Every structure is written in structure tokens, then in C-alpha cells.
Amino acid sequence: MEAVIGDKICIHGNVVGHADRNGEIIEVHGDKGEPPYVVLFEDGHTRLVYPGPDAVIVPAQHRPKRR
């Protein structure tokens, strides 16, 4: 998994009733874009994240532009 600052991350809920968590990667601590990442989540909290197989990176350039 590789990411750059500004990419989005979606961590899918892996338990029934747990919603997906979405956020923006604000720091990349691994070499060549590898984890861990510091993520600013939609609820305003920041966390150090080592994403597992339930996480998806959405590159910044592939996100639709806001109008």
C-alpha cells in the first residue's frame, strides 16, 4: 500500500453495525509512501494508522472536483 499526503483513506467496517471510517492522509511516515499514516478523520480526530486489508486508498488526483 502506498499513499501521499492529501490522499483519502476508507477503512471499511469489518463488524456488523460498524460504519466505514473515512479520512485524509496528512502525514506519511513510511519510506516510499508506505504506512504508517497520520489520518484526519471526518469526525475531526487524528490517529496513526497501520491500514489492514479492509482499507482502501483513494488517490487525490482521482477524486471528483467540488463545484
N, C-alpha and C. Protein backbone atom coordinates (compact mmCIF):
# COMPACT_ATOMS: atom_id res chain seq x y z
N MET A 1 0.85 -1.17 0.00
CA MET A 1 0.00 0.00 0.00
C MET A 1 0.90 1.24 0.00
N GLU A 2 0.58 2.18 -0.89
CA GLU A 2 1.33 3.43 -0.97
C GLU A 2 0.36 4.60 -1.02
N ALA A 3 0.75 5.71 -0.39
CA ALA A 3 -0.08 6.90 -0.37
C ALA A 3 0.80 8.14 -0.28
N VAL A 4 0.20 9.28 -0.58
CA VAL A 4 0.86 10.56 -0.41
C VAL A 4 -0.08 11.46 0.39
N ILE A 5 0.49 12.52 0.93
CA ILE A 5 -0.32 13.47 1.68
C ILE A 5 -1.41 14.01 0.77
N GLY A 6 -2.62 14.05 1.28
CA GLY A 6 -3.77 14.53 0.52
C GLY A 6 -4.65 13.42 -0.01
N ASP A 7 -4.13 12.19 -0.05
CA ASP A 7 -4.96 11.06 -0.45
C ASP A 7 -6.01 10.81 0.62
N LYS A 8 -7.11 10.20 0.20
CA LYS A 8 -8.16 9.80 1.14
C LYS A 8 -7.97 8.34 1.48
N ILE A 9 -8.45 7.95 2.66
CA ILE A 9 -8.43 6.55 3.06
C ILE A 9 -9.83 6.19 3.56
N CYS A 10 -10.29 5.02 3.15
CA CYS A 10 -11.56 4.48 3.63
C CYS A 10 -11.25 3.15 4.31
N ILE A 11 -11.60 3.07 5.57
CA ILE A 11 -11.41 1.84 6.32
C ILE A 11 -12.80 1.24 6.52
N HIS A 12 -13.04 0.13 5.83
CA HIS A 12 -14.36 -0.50 5.86
C HIS A 12 -14.62 -1.13 7.21
N GLY A 13 -15.84 -0.94 7.72
CA GLY A 13 -16.23 -1.58 8.97
C GLY A 13 -16.21 -3.08 8.78
N ASN A 14 -15.52 -3.80 9.65
CA ASN A 14 -15.40 -5.25 9.48
C ASN A 14 -16.26 -6.03 10.46
N VAL A 15 -17.14 -5.32 11.16
CA VAL A 15 -18.07 -5.95 12.09
C VAL A 15 -19.45 -5.39 11.76
N VAL A 16 -20.46 -6.24 11.78
CA VAL A 16 -21.82 -5.79 11.51
C VAL A 16 -22.17 -4.64 12.45
N GLY A 17 -22.67 -3.56 11.87
CA GLY A 17 -23.05 -2.40 12.66
C GLY A 17 -21.97 -1.34 12.78
N HIS A 18 -20.74 -1.65 12.39
CA HIS A 18 -19.66 -0.67 12.41
C HIS A 18 -19.57 -0.01 11.04
N ALA A 19 -19.71 1.30 11.02
CA ALA A 19 -19.68 2.04 9.76
C ALA A 19 -18.25 2.17 9.25
N ASP A 20 -18.14 2.48 7.94
CA ASP A 20 -16.83 2.78 7.36
C ASP A 20 -16.29 4.06 7.99
N ARG A 21 -14.97 4.18 8.07
CA ARG A 21 -14.32 5.40 8.56
C ARG A 21 -13.55 6.01 7.41
N ASN A 22 -13.78 7.29 7.16
CA ASN A 22 -13.13 7.98 6.06
C ASN A 22 -12.30 9.13 6.61
N GLY A 23 -11.15 9.36 5.95
CA GLY A 23 -10.30 10.46 6.38
C GLY A 23 -9.31 10.84 5.31
N GLU A 24 -8.52 11.85 5.64
CA GLU A 24 -7.49 12.34 4.73
C GLU A 24 -6.13 12.08 5.34
N ILE A 25 -5.21 11.59 4.53
CA ILE A 25 -3.86 11.32 5.00
C ILE A 25 -3.11 12.65 5.08
N ILE A 26 -2.64 12.99 6.29
CA ILE A 26 -1.96 14.27 6.49
C ILE A 26 -0.46 14.10 6.76
N GLU A 27 -0.03 12.87 7.05
CA GLU A 27 1.40 12.57 7.20
C GLU A 27 1.65 11.15 6.74
N VAL A 28 2.80 10.94 6.10
CA VAL A 28 3.22 9.61 5.67
C VAL A 28 4.56 9.34 6.34
N HIS A 29 4.62 8.29 7.16
CA HIS A 29 5.84 8.02 7.94
C HIS A 29 6.70 6.92 7.35
N GLY A 30 6.17 6.13 6.42
CA GLY A 30 6.94 5.05 5.82
C GLY A 30 7.75 5.54 4.63
N ASP A 31 8.75 4.76 4.27
CA ASP A 31 9.54 5.05 3.08
C ASP A 31 8.69 4.80 1.84
N LYS A 32 8.86 5.64 0.83
CA LYS A 32 8.19 5.46 -0.46
C LYS A 32 6.68 5.38 -0.35
N GLY A 33 6.07 6.11 0.59
CA GLY A 33 4.62 6.18 0.71
C GLY A 33 3.96 5.05 1.48
N GLU A 34 4.75 4.24 2.15
CA GLU A 34 4.19 3.12 2.89
C GLU A 34 3.72 3.57 4.28
N PRO A 35 2.86 2.76 4.92
CA PRO A 35 2.39 3.09 6.27
C PRO A 35 3.53 3.11 7.27
N PRO A 36 3.31 3.70 8.42
CA PRO A 36 2.05 4.20 8.94
C PRO A 36 1.72 5.60 8.42
N TYR A 37 0.42 5.94 8.53
CA TYR A 37 -0.08 7.24 8.11
C TYR A 37 -0.75 7.93 9.29
N VAL A 38 -0.64 9.25 9.32
CA VAL A 38 -1.46 10.02 10.26
C VAL A 38 -2.67 10.47 9.45
N VAL A 39 -3.86 10.13 9.96
CA VAL A 39 -5.10 10.38 9.23
C VAL A 39 -5.97 11.33 10.03
N LEU A 40 -6.50 12.34 9.33
CA LEU A 40 -7.50 13.24 9.90
C LEU A 40 -8.85 12.69 9.48
N PHE A 41 -9.60 12.14 10.44
CA PHE A 41 -10.89 11.54 10.14
C PHE A 41 -11.98 12.61 10.07
N GLU A 42 -13.10 12.23 9.45
CA GLU A 42 -14.21 13.17 9.26
C GLU A 42 -14.76 13.73 10.56
N ASP A 43 -14.57 12.99 11.66
CA ASP A 43 -15.08 13.48 12.95
C ASP A 43 -14.12 14.45 13.63
N GLY A 44 -12.99 14.78 12.95
CA GLY A 44 -12.04 15.75 13.48
C GLY A 44 -10.89 15.14 14.26
N HIS A 45 -10.92 13.86 14.54
CA HIS A 45 -9.84 13.19 15.27
C HIS A 45 -8.71 12.80 14.31
N THR A 46 -7.49 12.83 14.84
CA THR A 46 -6.34 12.34 14.08
C THR A 46 -5.80 11.10 14.78
N ARG A 47 -5.35 10.15 13.95
CA ARG A 47 -4.80 8.91 14.50
C ARG A 47 -3.68 8.41 13.61
N LEU A 48 -2.75 7.70 14.23
CA LEU A 48 -1.71 6.99 13.50
C LEU A 48 -2.33 5.66 13.06
N VAL A 49 -2.27 5.40 11.75
CA VAL A 49 -2.97 4.24 11.18
C VAL A 49 -1.99 3.34 10.45
N TYR A 50 -2.06 2.05 10.77
CA TYR A 50 -1.38 1.00 10.02
C TYR A 50 -2.51 0.25 9.30
N PRO A 51 -2.86 0.65 8.07
CA PRO A 51 -4.04 0.07 7.43
C PRO A 51 -3.90 -1.43 7.16
N GLY A 52 -5.01 -2.11 7.33
CA GLY A 52 -5.07 -3.54 7.05
C GLY A 52 -5.75 -3.79 5.72
N PRO A 53 -6.14 -5.03 5.49
CA PRO A 53 -6.76 -5.39 4.21
C PRO A 53 -8.15 -4.78 4.01
N ASP A 54 -8.72 -4.22 5.06
CA ASP A 54 -10.04 -3.61 4.95
C ASP A 54 -9.96 -2.12 4.59
N ALA A 55 -8.77 -1.62 4.26
CA ALA A 55 -8.58 -0.20 3.93
C ALA A 55 -8.33 -0.02 2.44
N VAL A 56 -8.83 1.11 1.92
CA VAL A 56 -8.66 1.47 0.52
C VAL A 56 -8.13 2.90 0.46
N ILE A 57 -7.08 3.12 -0.34
CA ILE A 57 -6.54 4.46 -0.56
C ILE A 57 -7.15 5.01 -1.85
N VAL A 58 -7.67 6.23 -1.78
CA VAL A 58 -8.20 6.92 -2.95
C VAL A 58 -7.25 8.06 -3.27
N PRO A 59 -6.48 7.93 -4.35
CA PRO A 59 -5.51 8.98 -4.69
C PRO A 59 -6.20 10.33 -4.91
N ALA A 60 -5.53 11.39 -4.50
CA ALA A 60 -6.09 12.73 -4.59
C ALA A 60 -6.48 13.08 -6.02
N GLN A 61 -5.69 12.71 -7.01
CA GLN A 61 -5.98 13.09 -8.39
C GLN A 61 -7.20 12.35 -8.96
N HIS A 62 -7.67 11.29 -8.32
CA HIS A 62 -8.82 10.54 -8.82
C HIS A 62 -10.12 10.95 -8.18
N ARG A 63 -10.08 11.82 -7.18
CA ARG A 63 -11.30 12.25 -6.53
C ARG A 63 -12.02 13.27 -7.41
N PRO A 64 -13.37 13.23 -7.42
CA PRO A 64 -14.08 14.24 -8.20
C PRO A 64 -13.86 15.63 -7.62
N LYS A 65 -13.79 16.63 -8.50
CA LYS A 65 -13.59 18.01 -8.04
C LYS A 65 -14.90 18.57 -7.52
N ARG A 66 -14.82 19.38 -6.47
CA ARG A 66 -16.01 20.04 -5.92
C ARG A 66 -16.33 21.26 -6.76
N ARG A 67 -17.59 21.55 -6.84
CA ARG A 67 -18.01 22.74 -7.59
C ARG A 67 -18.41 23.84 -6.66
